[in-house]
Amino acid sequence: MPFNGPALTRPVPIDNPLALGLARAPQEPALRDLRRSLSWAELERATEQLARAYRALGLGPGDRLASLVPNGVELVVHYLAGLRSGLVLTPLNYRYVPAEIDHALAVSGAAALVFHRERQADVAASTRAGELPLGTIEIDDLRGFEALLERCPGSGAPWPVLPAAAPCVIYFTSGSTARPKCVTHSRASLGALLASLAQALELRPGEQVLAGCSLAHVAASALCLGALGAGAGAVIANTIDSPSVETLLRRHRPEVMLMLPAPLFGLVRDGGLQRQDLASVRLCISGGDKVPHQLQQEFQAATGFCIHESYGLTECAYATLAPPSQAGRIGSVGPLSPGLSGSIRNPQGQEVEPGEAGRLWLRAPSVMTGYWANPAATADTIQDGWLDSGDEMRLDGDGNLWFCGRRKQIIVHDGSNICPQDVEEALAEHPAVELAGVIGLRDPVHGENVRAYVALRPGQPAPAAAELIAFARQRVGYKAPEEICFLPALPLNPVGKIDRIALGQLAAAQPQAR
């Protein structure tokens, strides 16, 4: 039988997400980063002015407006202005190179591109950017938007009332198994997504959330927009590094923070972090990949509390999250978030017995409407109203889900399924290992063999490959790697996960372990 998360009770008005904060305390800070702070009233004014400037440029409801803008106050203002004016926000990862920029602009059919001045050379190298119907808009920071306002002040005409089904944002998937696809959310699905997150976090008006990962992706952008919709402020890390996050923790004392596992490892291992820096935090969320047990141990030793692991995907954002009022269960990704229903099925589409692993299917008002201009991919992913997550999960008797691996990344060795994250977690427990990435290599005898790529921690004695293999075998038995390759650093994809596609390409170029 399908299982359900809590009922969704708190809608977020996409047309006016700042209403609660404006009514409660218009002069209190609403949006801050390392360089700038905007009160609720200032944020409302900046949003309205920029929305009108976009309209004056010829951008109208339904137009895709791409953005290549780094983390900061100005990116959230841009998002709010786009939602108000009915545009389809199309954020590009700030690390995109010209070929990736071209792909994103082409597949989304963007009308214009807003970009930061420091990316001028890459935009100039893009073949698509110069052909956009409404051109490009270069900014530096909010002053760049202010210069745009002077050129295009806009009119005072009222904003149109848009249907709930109208698209409002296109997020690009991380591309962990293929080229990024355009995940499209409507005004209704985005509103439900933000409401579900705010409810799961048990956010209270006046609290602060800290976004410690890229705002170009759904996790951090939904955290900021959902917080604002709940009357809570948002604090943004301009760069995802330990000094920046530590400064924001000390300066703004957020109650909720979000970081991915790799930078969280860096934070807890940074000598400058003090236990009191996290004294205000009641909830630390992480996800994107399985949170290693070693990270949980080190974080708990540094802070006195555990990380609440979340599971999500661009197609519906935070699918699971243990609310802060419940003790997090280490190793679990938590229960379903508000408004979601789940079903765990075998490859034949039949529901499995309780406690068995199977593929997770999801149904919710927060699920995407589809992949932009890709009906075939949409039909493959959404069937009878259910979204195929592609991920293996099991459900325990308390309603908590446990991540068992991504179906497309499962390694099949001698007929046994091996989850790369299990092996990576075992290797990460070694004191000399900084990060580990695991892939499967085709083998005529065993089907696939396990190869691990490892980056070592500075200042630690370097172990031999055989020592690490034996170390992993003590923890995960037959899942342990047959081969270890040492790298100075592991490749990460645009959202900070281990880039297994890059590791696969490296393996193809260097078939013999070194």
Protein backbone atom coordinates (compact mmCIF):
# COMPACT_ATOMS: atom_id res chain seq x y z
CA MET A 1 0.00 0.00 0.00
CA PRO A 2 1.18 3.55 -0.62
CA PHE A 3 2.36 5.47 2.44
CA ASN A 4 1.95 9.16 3.12
CA GLY A 5 3.65 12.14 4.69
CA PRO A 6 1.74 14.67 6.81
CA ALA A 7 -1.03 16.68 5.18
CA LEU A 8 0.09 19.93 3.56
CA THR A 9 -1.42 22.80 5.54
CA ARG A 10 0.45 26.03 4.78
CA PRO A 11 0.27 27.35 1.21
CA VAL A 12 2.96 29.72 -0.08
CA PRO A 13 1.52 32.44 -2.35
CA ILE A 14 3.85 32.53 -5.37
CA ASP A 15 2.34 35.87 -6.47
CA ASN A 16 3.35 37.51 -3.18
CA PRO A 17 5.72 35.38 -1.09
CA LEU A 18 6.89 38.39 0.96
CA ALA A 19 3.45 39.19 2.37
CA LEU A 20 3.90 37.56 5.78
CA GLY A 21 7.27 39.15 6.49
CA LEU A 22 6.11 42.57 5.30
CA ALA A 23 3.06 42.47 7.54
CA ARG A 24 5.02 41.26 10.57
CA ALA A 25 8.19 43.40 10.62
CA PRO A 26 8.90 45.38 7.43
CA GLN A 27 12.11 46.93 8.79
CA GLU A 28 13.70 43.70 10.03
CA PRO A 29 16.32 42.01 7.85
CA ALA A 30 14.85 39.62 5.29
CA LEU A 31 17.79 38.76 3.04
CA ARG A 32 21.51 38.90 3.80
CA ASP A 33 24.84 37.72 2.52
CA LEU A 34 28.43 38.63 3.37
CA ARG A 35 28.16 42.00 1.61
CA ARG A 36 24.62 43.26 1.86
CA SER A 37 21.41 43.22 3.91
CA LEU A 38 17.87 44.03 2.78
CA SER A 39 14.92 44.57 5.06
CA TRP A 40 11.53 43.18 4.09
CA ALA A 41 10.47 46.62 2.85
CA GLU A 42 13.69 47.07 0.84
CA LEU A 43 13.37 43.58 -0.63
CA GLU A 44 9.78 44.30 -1.67
CA ARG A 45 10.83 47.54 -3.33
CA ALA A 46 13.78 45.96 -5.16
CA THR A 47 11.60 43.06 -6.35
CA GLU A 48 8.88 45.34 -7.71
CA GLN A 49 11.34 47.64 -9.48
CA LEU A 50 13.29 44.84 -11.10
CA ALA A 51 10.11 43.07 -12.24
CA ARG A 52 8.99 46.28 -13.94
CA ALA A 53 12.41 46.75 -15.53
CA TYR A 54 12.21 43.24 -16.99
CA ARG A 55 8.80 44.03 -18.41
CA ALA A 56 10.15 47.25 -19.92
CA LEU A 57 12.85 45.23 -21.69
CA GLY A 58 10.10 43.31 -23.48
CA LEU A 59 10.07 40.21 -21.28
CA GLY A 60 6.57 38.92 -20.66
CA PRO A 61 4.76 36.02 -18.97
CA GLY A 62 6.04 32.68 -20.20
CA ASP A 63 9.38 33.99 -21.47
CA ARG A 64 12.38 32.04 -20.22
CA LEU A 65 14.92 34.30 -18.55
CA ALA A 66 18.21 32.49 -17.95
CA SER A 67 20.59 33.58 -15.21
CA LEU A 68 24.31 32.99 -14.75
CA VAL A 69 24.68 34.75 -11.43
CA PRO A 70 26.65 33.66 -8.33
CA ASN A 71 25.18 33.17 -4.87
CA GLY A 72 24.11 36.43 -3.30
CA VAL A 73 21.26 38.75 -2.45
CA GLU A 74 20.90 39.85 -6.07
CA LEU A 75 20.10 36.32 -7.30
CA VAL A 76 17.17 35.98 -4.88
CA VAL A 77 15.89 39.43 -5.90
CA HIS A 78 16.04 38.24 -9.50
CA TYR A 79 14.05 35.12 -8.63
CA LEU A 80 11.37 37.11 -6.81
CA ALA A 81 11.11 39.60 -9.68
CA GLY A 82 10.73 36.80 -12.21
CA LEU A 83 7.98 35.13 -10.20
CA ARG A 84 6.13 38.43 -9.85
CA SER A 85 6.25 39.26 -13.55
CA GLY A 86 5.30 35.76 -14.75
CA LEU A 87 8.65 34.86 -16.30
CA VAL A 88 9.99 31.31 -16.38
CA LEU A 89 13.16 31.48 -14.29
CA THR A 90 15.97 29.44 -15.83
CA PRO A 91 18.97 29.40 -13.47
CA LEU A 92 22.26 28.09 -14.85
CA ASN A 93 24.89 26.61 -12.60
CA TYR A 94 27.57 29.24 -12.09
CA ARG A 95 30.28 26.72 -12.93
CA TYR A 96 28.93 26.10 -16.44
CA VAL A 97 31.48 26.42 -19.27
CA PRO A 98 30.45 27.86 -22.68
CA ALA A 99 29.32 24.50 -24.11
CA GLU A 100 27.07 23.92 -21.09
CA ILE A 101 25.72 27.46 -21.32
CA ASP A 102 24.87 26.83 -24.97
CA HIS A 103 23.08 23.57 -24.16
CA ALA A 104 21.02 25.21 -21.41
CA LEU A 105 20.05 28.22 -23.55
CA ALA A 106 19.16 26.01 -26.52
CA VAL A 107 17.06 23.40 -24.72
CA SER A 108 15.15 26.00 -22.66
CA GLY A 109 14.56 28.39 -25.56
CA ALA A 110 15.64 31.31 -23.37
CA ALA A 111 14.63 34.81 -24.50
CA ALA A 112 17.44 36.55 -22.59
CA LEU A 113 20.34 35.91 -20.22
CA VAL A 114 21.27 37.80 -17.05
CA PHE A 115 24.95 37.22 -16.26
CA HIS A 116 27.58 38.44 -13.84
CA ARG A 117 30.37 40.57 -15.23
CA GLU A 118 33.09 38.11 -14.20
CA ARG A 119 31.59 35.57 -16.65
CA GLN A 120 31.88 38.00 -19.56
CA ALA A 121 34.52 35.93 -21.41
CA ASP A 122 32.46 32.72 -21.18
CA VAL A 123 29.29 34.45 -22.36
CA ALA A 124 31.25 35.96 -25.26
CA ALA A 125 32.49 32.45 -26.14
CA SER A 126 28.93 31.10 -26.13
CA THR A 127 27.45 30.72 -29.61
CA ARG A 128 23.87 30.97 -28.29
CA ALA A 129 24.10 33.97 -25.99
CA GLY A 130 24.61 36.43 -28.85
CA GLU A 131 21.56 35.06 -30.68
CA LEU A 132 19.00 35.40 -27.87
CA PRO A 133 15.88 37.33 -28.97
CA LEU A 134 16.17 39.89 -26.16
CA GLY A 135 19.92 39.73 -25.70
CA THR A 136 22.00 39.63 -22.55
CA ILE A 137 21.94 41.70 -19.36
CA GLU A 138 25.28 42.20 -17.64
CA ILE A 139 25.34 42.95 -13.93
CA ASP A 140 27.95 43.23 -11.18
CA ASP A 141 25.84 43.13 -8.02
CA LEU A 142 22.64 44.91 -7.04
CA ARG A 143 24.17 48.09 -8.46
CA GLY A 144 24.00 46.39 -11.85
CA PHE A 145 20.27 45.87 -11.38
CA GLU A 146 19.94 49.48 -10.27
CA ALA A 147 21.62 50.62 -13.50
CA LEU A 148 19.11 48.50 -15.41
CA LEU A 149 16.28 50.21 -13.54
CA GLU A 150 17.57 53.62 -14.63
CA ARG A 151 17.50 52.51 -18.28
CA CYS A 152 14.18 50.65 -18.00
CA PRO A 153 12.06 52.08 -15.20
CA GLY A 154 8.94 50.25 -16.36
CA SER A 155 5.31 51.18 -15.97
CA GLY A 156 2.89 51.02 -13.07
CA ALA A 157 0.44 48.74 -14.89
CA PRO A 158 -0.95 45.95 -12.68
CA TRP A 159 0.51 42.48 -12.85
CA PRO A 160 -1.52 39.83 -14.66
CA VAL A 161 -3.18 37.05 -12.70
CA LEU A 162 -1.52 33.89 -13.96
CA PRO A 163 -3.02 30.38 -13.93
CA ALA A 164 -1.67 27.94 -11.35
CA ALA A 165 -0.56 25.61 -14.15
CA ALA A 166 1.65 28.26 -15.77
CA PRO A 167 5.35 27.32 -15.72
CA CYS A 168 7.53 29.49 -13.51
CA VAL A 169 10.94 27.84 -13.18
CA ILE A 170 13.17 25.44 -15.06
CA TYR A 171 15.87 23.71 -13.03
CA PHE A 172 18.58 21.68 -14.70
CA THR A 173 19.23 18.27 -13.19
CA SER A 174 22.73 17.60 -11.88
CA GLY A 175 23.44 15.26 -14.78
CA SER A 176 24.63 12.40 -12.56
CA THR A 177 23.64 9.77 -15.12
CA ALA A 178 23.09 11.69 -18.39
CA ARG A 179 23.02 15.19 -19.86
CA PRO A 180 21.06 17.60 -17.66
CA LYS A 181 17.33 17.74 -18.33
CA CYS A 182 15.04 20.76 -17.86
CA VAL A 183 12.80 20.11 -14.87
CA THR A 184 9.76 22.38 -15.14
CA HIS A 185 7.76 23.52 -12.14
CA SER A 186 4.46 25.35 -12.41
CA ARG A 187 3.33 28.09 -10.07
CA ALA A 188 1.23 25.48 -8.28
CA SER A 189 3.99 22.86 -7.94
CA LEU A 190 6.56 25.42 -6.80
CA GLY A 191 4.12 26.83 -4.26
CA ALA A 192 3.45 23.34 -2.91
CA LEU A 193 7.17 22.56 -2.86
CA LEU A 194 7.97 25.68 -0.80
CA ALA A 195 5.05 25.07 1.55
CA SER A 196 6.08 21.45 2.12
CA LEU A 197 9.63 22.46 3.00
CA ALA A 198 8.64 25.29 5.36
CA GLN A 199 6.24 22.94 7.14
CA ALA A 200 8.82 20.13 7.39
CA LEU A 201 11.38 22.55 8.85
CA GLU A 202 8.78 23.85 11.33
CA LEU A 203 9.92 27.36 10.42
CA ARG A 204 8.71 30.22 12.55
CA PRO A 205 8.41 33.87 11.43
CA GLY A 206 11.53 35.83 12.32
CA GLU A 207 13.88 32.83 12.22
CA GLN A 208 16.86 32.70 9.86
CA VAL A 209 17.96 29.96 7.46
CA LEU A 210 21.48 29.67 6.06
CA ALA A 211 21.84 28.45 2.47
CA GLY A 212 25.30 26.90 2.17
CA CYS A 213 25.07 25.56 -1.37
CA SER A 214 24.31 26.80 -4.88
CA LEU A 215 21.14 28.85 -5.36
CA ALA A 216 21.04 27.72 -8.99
CA HIS A 217 19.61 24.41 -7.78
CA VAL A 218 16.36 23.53 -6.14
CA ALA A 219 17.66 22.67 -2.64
CA ALA A 220 19.07 26.09 -1.73
CA SER A 221 16.69 28.23 -3.79
CA ALA A 222 13.68 26.44 -2.29
CA LEU A 223 15.15 26.91 1.19
CA CYS A 224 15.46 30.68 0.67
CA LEU A 225 12.12 31.18 -1.08
CA GLY A 226 10.30 28.85 1.31
CA ALA A 227 11.76 30.68 4.30
CA LEU A 228 10.70 34.07 2.92
CA GLY A 229 7.22 32.72 2.26
CA ALA A 230 7.02 31.63 5.91
CA GLY A 231 8.13 35.06 7.17
CA ALA A 232 11.65 33.82 8.00
CA GLY A 233 14.83 35.50 6.80
CA ALA A 234 17.44 33.97 4.49
CA VAL A 235 21.21 34.17 4.84
CA ILE A 236 23.27 33.26 1.75
CA ALA A 237 26.83 31.99 1.56
CA ASN A 238 28.40 33.84 -1.37
CA THR A 239 31.10 31.19 -1.59
CA ILE A 240 30.78 27.67 -0.23
CA ASP A 241 33.83 27.54 1.98
CA SER A 242 34.44 27.23 5.70
CA PRO A 243 35.55 30.85 6.40
CA SER A 244 32.44 32.27 4.69
CA VAL A 245 30.03 29.92 6.46
CA GLU A 246 31.71 30.47 9.83
CA THR A 247 31.44 34.26 9.40
CA LEU A 248 27.73 34.02 8.60
CA LEU A 249 27.09 31.71 11.54
CA ARG A 250 28.74 34.14 13.95
CA ARG A 251 27.24 37.27 12.43
CA HIS A 252 23.62 36.23 11.85
CA ARG A 253 23.01 33.27 14.18
CA PRO A 254 20.72 31.20 11.90
CA GLU A 255 18.45 28.52 13.32
CA VAL A 256 18.51 26.26 10.22
CA MET A 257 21.42 25.56 7.88
CA LEU A 258 21.84 23.56 4.69
CA MET A 259 25.14 22.20 3.35
CA LEU A 260 26.14 19.23 1.20
CA PRO A 261 28.34 16.49 2.69
CA ALA A 262 31.66 17.48 1.07
CA PRO A 263 31.70 21.11 2.31
CA LEU A 264 30.28 19.98 5.67
CA PHE A 265 33.31 17.74 6.05
CA GLY A 266 35.48 20.78 5.38
CA LEU A 267 33.57 22.86 7.93
CA VAL A 268 33.82 20.40 10.82
CA ARG A 269 37.50 19.74 10.06
CA ASP A 270 38.33 23.45 9.90
CA GLY A 271 40.40 24.57 12.86
CA GLY A 272 38.59 27.91 13.04
CA LEU A 273 35.15 26.45 13.79
CA GLN A 274 34.14 26.81 17.45
CA ARG A 275 31.32 24.89 19.09
CA GLN A 276 29.58 28.17 19.99
CA ASP A 277 29.49 29.13 16.28
CA LEU A 278 26.67 26.60 15.87
CA ALA A 279 24.93 27.38 19.16
CA SER A 280 21.98 29.06 17.41
CA VAL A 281 21.42 26.18 14.95
CA ARG A 282 18.55 23.84 15.82
CA LEU A 283 18.67 21.92 12.53
CA CYS A 284 21.44 21.12 10.06
CA ILE A 285 20.22 19.53 6.83
CA SER A 286 22.37 17.67 4.34
CA GLY A 287 21.77 15.35 1.44
CA GLY A 288 22.44 15.18 -2.27
CA ASP A 289 24.36 11.98 -1.59
CA LYS A 290 24.33 9.66 1.37
CA VAL A 291 25.73 11.40 4.44
CA PRO A 292 28.74 9.29 5.50
CA HIS A 293 28.72 7.85 9.00
CA GLN A 294 32.16 9.38 9.53
CA LEU A 295 30.75 12.86 8.84
CA GLN A 296 27.93 12.22 11.32
CA GLN A 297 30.45 11.22 13.98
CA GLU A 298 32.70 14.22 13.41
CA PHE A 299 29.79 16.66 13.22
CA GLN A 300 28.24 15.34 16.42
CA ALA A 301 31.59 15.56 18.20
CA ALA A 302 31.99 19.17 17.05
CA THR A 303 28.42 20.34 17.74
CA GLY A 304 26.67 17.96 20.11
CA PHE A 305 23.86 17.12 17.67
CA CYS A 306 23.48 15.10 14.48
CA ILE A 307 22.86 16.08 10.88
CA HIS A 308 19.30 15.52 9.66
CA GLU A 309 19.71 13.73 6.38
CA SER A 310 17.28 14.62 3.60
CA TYR A 311 16.52 12.98 0.28
CA GLY A 312 15.40 14.96 -2.68
CA LEU A 313 15.49 15.29 -6.42
CA THR A 314 15.06 18.24 -8.72
CA GLU A 315 11.71 16.85 -9.85
CA CYS A 316 10.08 17.43 -6.43
CA ALA A 317 12.82 18.84 -4.15
CA TYR A 318 12.75 17.69 -0.51
CA ALA A 319 10.93 14.36 -0.71
CA THR A 320 11.97 13.32 2.81
CA LEU A 321 13.11 15.21 5.90
CA ALA A 322 12.88 14.36 9.58
CA PRO A 323 11.28 17.40 11.27
CA PRO A 324 13.40 19.04 13.98
CA SER A 325 10.85 18.08 16.66
CA GLN A 326 11.77 14.44 16.01
CA ALA A 327 15.18 12.95 16.74
CA GLY A 328 17.00 12.20 13.52
CA ARG A 329 17.78 8.53 12.94
CA ILE A 330 21.37 8.32 11.74
CA GLY A 331 21.57 6.54 8.39
CA SER A 332 17.95 7.20 7.46
CA VAL A 333 16.86 9.96 5.10
CA GLY A 334 13.75 10.45 7.26
CA PRO A 335 10.01 10.21 6.64
CA LEU A 336 8.13 11.60 3.67
CA SER A 337 7.73 15.37 3.66
CA PRO A 338 4.29 16.99 3.98
CA GLY A 339 2.04 16.48 0.99
CA LEU A 340 3.89 13.50 -0.47
CA SER A 341 2.81 9.91 -1.01
CA GLY A 342 5.25 7.08 -1.67
CA SER A 343 5.24 3.57 -3.11
CA ILE A 344 8.17 1.12 -3.15
CA ARG A 345 8.05 -1.27 -6.10
CA ASN A 346 10.07 -4.06 -7.69
CA PRO A 347 11.24 -3.92 -11.34
CA GLN A 348 7.89 -5.41 -12.45
CA GLY A 349 6.02 -2.48 -10.87
CA GLN A 350 4.60 -4.46 -7.95
CA GLU A 351 4.80 -3.12 -4.41
CA VAL A 352 7.33 -4.95 -2.25
CA GLU A 353 6.80 -6.28 1.24
CA PRO A 354 7.47 -3.90 4.17
CA GLY A 355 11.19 -3.69 4.92
CA GLU A 356 12.22 -4.82 1.43
CA ALA A 357 14.20 -2.59 -0.90
CA GLY A 358 12.67 -1.42 -4.15
CA ARG A 359 12.38 1.59 -6.39
CA LEU A 360 10.73 4.63 -4.81
CA TRP A 361 7.79 6.22 -6.63
CA LEU A 362 6.39 9.55 -5.47
CA ARG A 363 3.13 11.45 -5.90
CA ALA A 364 2.58 15.00 -4.67
CA PRO A 365 1.36 18.46 -5.71
CA SER A 366 5.04 19.46 -5.55
CA VAL A 367 6.07 17.08 -8.37
CA MET A 368 7.25 18.78 -11.57
CA THR A 369 4.90 19.20 -14.49
CA GLY A 370 7.49 17.54 -16.75
CA TYR A 371 10.74 18.05 -18.62
CA TRP A 372 10.68 21.15 -20.79
CA ALA A 373 10.06 20.28 -24.46
CA ASN A 374 10.75 16.59 -23.77
CA PRO A 375 7.47 14.68 -23.62
CA ALA A 376 9.16 11.29 -24.10
CA ALA A 377 11.36 11.73 -21.02
CA THR A 378 8.37 13.03 -19.10
CA ALA A 379 6.30 9.96 -20.02
CA ASP A 380 9.16 7.67 -18.93
CA THR A 381 9.40 9.37 -15.53
CA ILE A 382 5.77 10.17 -14.64
CA GLN A 383 3.30 7.29 -15.00
CA ASP A 384 -0.31 7.41 -13.83
CA GLY A 385 0.53 10.48 -11.73
CA TRP A 386 3.50 8.79 -10.01
CA LEU A 387 7.09 10.00 -10.37
CA ASP A 388 9.74 7.30 -10.76
CA SER A 389 12.64 8.51 -8.61
CA GLY A 390 15.01 5.90 -10.04
CA ASP A 391 16.36 5.37 -6.53
CA GLU A 392 16.26 2.26 -4.35
CA MET A 393 14.76 2.67 -0.87
CA ARG A 394 13.34 0.59 1.93
CA LEU A 395 10.73 1.68 4.48
CA ASP A 396 11.06 0.71 8.13
CA GLY A 397 8.25 0.16 10.63
CA ASP A 398 8.46 3.74 11.91
CA GLY A 399 7.89 5.35 8.51
CA ASN A 400 11.56 6.23 7.89
CA LEU A 401 13.11 5.67 4.49
CA TRP A 402 16.60 4.23 4.02
CA PHE A 403 18.55 4.98 0.85
CA CYS A 404 19.82 1.83 -0.88
CA GLY A 405 21.38 3.33 -4.01
CA ARG A 406 20.59 4.79 -7.41
CA ARG A 407 19.39 2.13 -9.81
CA LYS A 408 21.54 3.50 -12.66
CA GLN A 409 24.64 3.50 -10.45
CA ILE A 410 24.18 0.13 -8.73
CA ILE A 411 27.21 -2.13 -9.33
CA VAL A 412 26.31 -5.76 -10.00
CA HIS A 413 29.21 -7.99 -8.94
CA ASP A 414 28.73 -11.76 -9.13
CA GLY A 415 24.96 -11.21 -9.17
CA SER A 416 24.99 -9.07 -5.99
CA ASN A 417 23.95 -5.42 -5.96
CA ILE A 418 26.51 -3.01 -4.54
CA CYS A 419 25.61 0.59 -3.72
CA PRO A 420 28.60 2.91 -4.42
CA GLN A 421 27.71 5.08 -1.43
CA ASP A 422 28.10 2.12 0.96
CA VAL A 423 31.67 1.57 -0.21
CA GLU A 424 32.47 5.27 -0.18
CA GLU A 425 31.21 5.56 3.37
CA ALA A 426 33.37 2.66 4.52
CA LEU A 427 36.48 4.17 2.93
CA ALA A 428 35.69 7.60 4.41
CA GLU A 429 36.01 6.13 7.89
CA HIS A 430 39.78 5.74 7.37
CA PRO A 431 41.55 8.69 9.01
CA ALA A 432 43.69 9.32 5.92
CA VAL A 433 40.78 9.50 3.44
CA GLU A 434 39.39 12.92 2.51
CA LEU A 435 36.88 11.76 -0.13
CA ALA A 436 36.14 8.53 -1.98
CA GLY A 437 34.24 7.90 -5.20
CA VAL A 438 33.25 4.42 -6.38
CA ILE A 439 32.27 3.12 -9.82
CA GLY A 440 31.75 -0.25 -11.49
CA LEU A 441 33.97 -1.53 -14.30
CA ARG A 442 32.79 -4.16 -16.76
CA ASP A 443 34.37 -7.58 -16.15
CA PRO A 444 33.75 -10.71 -18.26
CA VAL A 445 33.81 -13.00 -15.22
CA HIS A 446 32.19 -11.00 -12.43
CA GLY A 447 29.90 -8.69 -14.43
CA GLU A 448 31.34 -5.58 -12.80
CA ASN A 449 34.26 -4.96 -10.48
CA VAL A 450 34.42 -2.19 -7.90
CA ARG A 451 36.99 0.56 -8.36
CA ALA A 452 37.45 3.31 -5.80
CA TYR A 453 39.04 6.69 -6.42
CA VAL A 454 40.44 8.22 -3.25
CA ALA A 455 41.74 11.66 -2.27
CA LEU A 456 43.84 11.65 0.88
CA ARG A 457 43.80 14.13 3.74
CA PRO A 458 46.85 16.39 4.02
CA GLY A 459 49.14 15.68 6.96
CA GLN A 460 48.10 12.04 7.35
CA PRO A 461 50.33 9.02 6.61
CA ALA A 462 49.40 7.73 3.16
CA PRO A 463 48.05 4.16 3.24
CA ALA A 464 48.76 1.63 0.52
CA ALA A 465 45.92 0.53 -1.76
CA ALA A 466 45.95 -2.94 -0.22
CA GLU A 467 45.58 -1.46 3.25
CA LEU A 468 42.50 0.54 2.21
CA ILE A 469 40.95 -2.48 0.49
CA ALA A 470 41.39 -4.53 3.64
CA PHE A 471 40.02 -1.67 5.75
CA ALA A 472 36.89 -1.52 3.58
CA ARG A 473 36.50 -5.31 3.55
CA GLN A 474 36.32 -5.34 7.35
CA ARG A 475 33.33 -2.97 7.11
CA VAL A 476 31.41 -3.95 3.99
CA GLY A 477 32.72 -7.43 3.15
CA TYR A 478 32.20 -8.48 -0.47
CA LYS A 479 31.35 -4.88 -1.46
CA ALA A 480 34.95 -3.75 -0.88
CA PRO A 481 36.78 -2.46 -3.95
CA GLU A 482 39.08 -4.66 -5.97
CA GLU A 483 41.06 -1.60 -7.05
CA ILE A 484 42.06 1.74 -5.51
CA CYS A 485 43.23 4.74 -7.52
CA PHE A 486 44.65 7.78 -5.72
CA LEU A 487 43.86 11.29 -7.01
CA PRO A 488 44.94 14.73 -5.67
CA ALA A 489 41.22 15.69 -5.58
CA LEU A 490 37.99 14.07 -6.68
CA PRO A 491 35.80 15.64 -9.38
CA LEU A 492 32.51 17.06 -8.11
CA ASN A 493 29.45 17.75 -10.22
CA PRO A 494 27.69 21.15 -10.24
CA VAL A 495 25.82 20.47 -6.99
CA GLY A 496 28.85 19.20 -5.08
CA LYS A 497 28.27 15.45 -5.40
CA ILE A 498 31.00 13.00 -6.41
CA ASP A 499 30.99 13.14 -10.22
CA ARG A 500 30.81 9.47 -11.15
CA ILE A 501 30.46 10.31 -14.84
CA ALA A 502 33.87 12.01 -14.72
CA LEU A 503 35.30 9.04 -12.82
CA GLY A 504 33.89 6.70 -15.48
CA GLN A 505 35.51 8.79 -18.21
CA LEU A 506 38.79 8.68 -16.29
CA ALA A 507 38.50 4.90 -15.98
CA ALA A 508 37.90 4.60 -19.73
CA ALA A 509 41.03 6.66 -20.41
CA GLN A 510 43.07 4.75 -17.82
CA PRO A 511 41.68 1.20 -17.70
CA GLN A 512 44.50 -0.04 -15.49
CA ALA A 513 44.50 1.14 -11.86
CA ARG A 514 47.52 3.20 -10.85
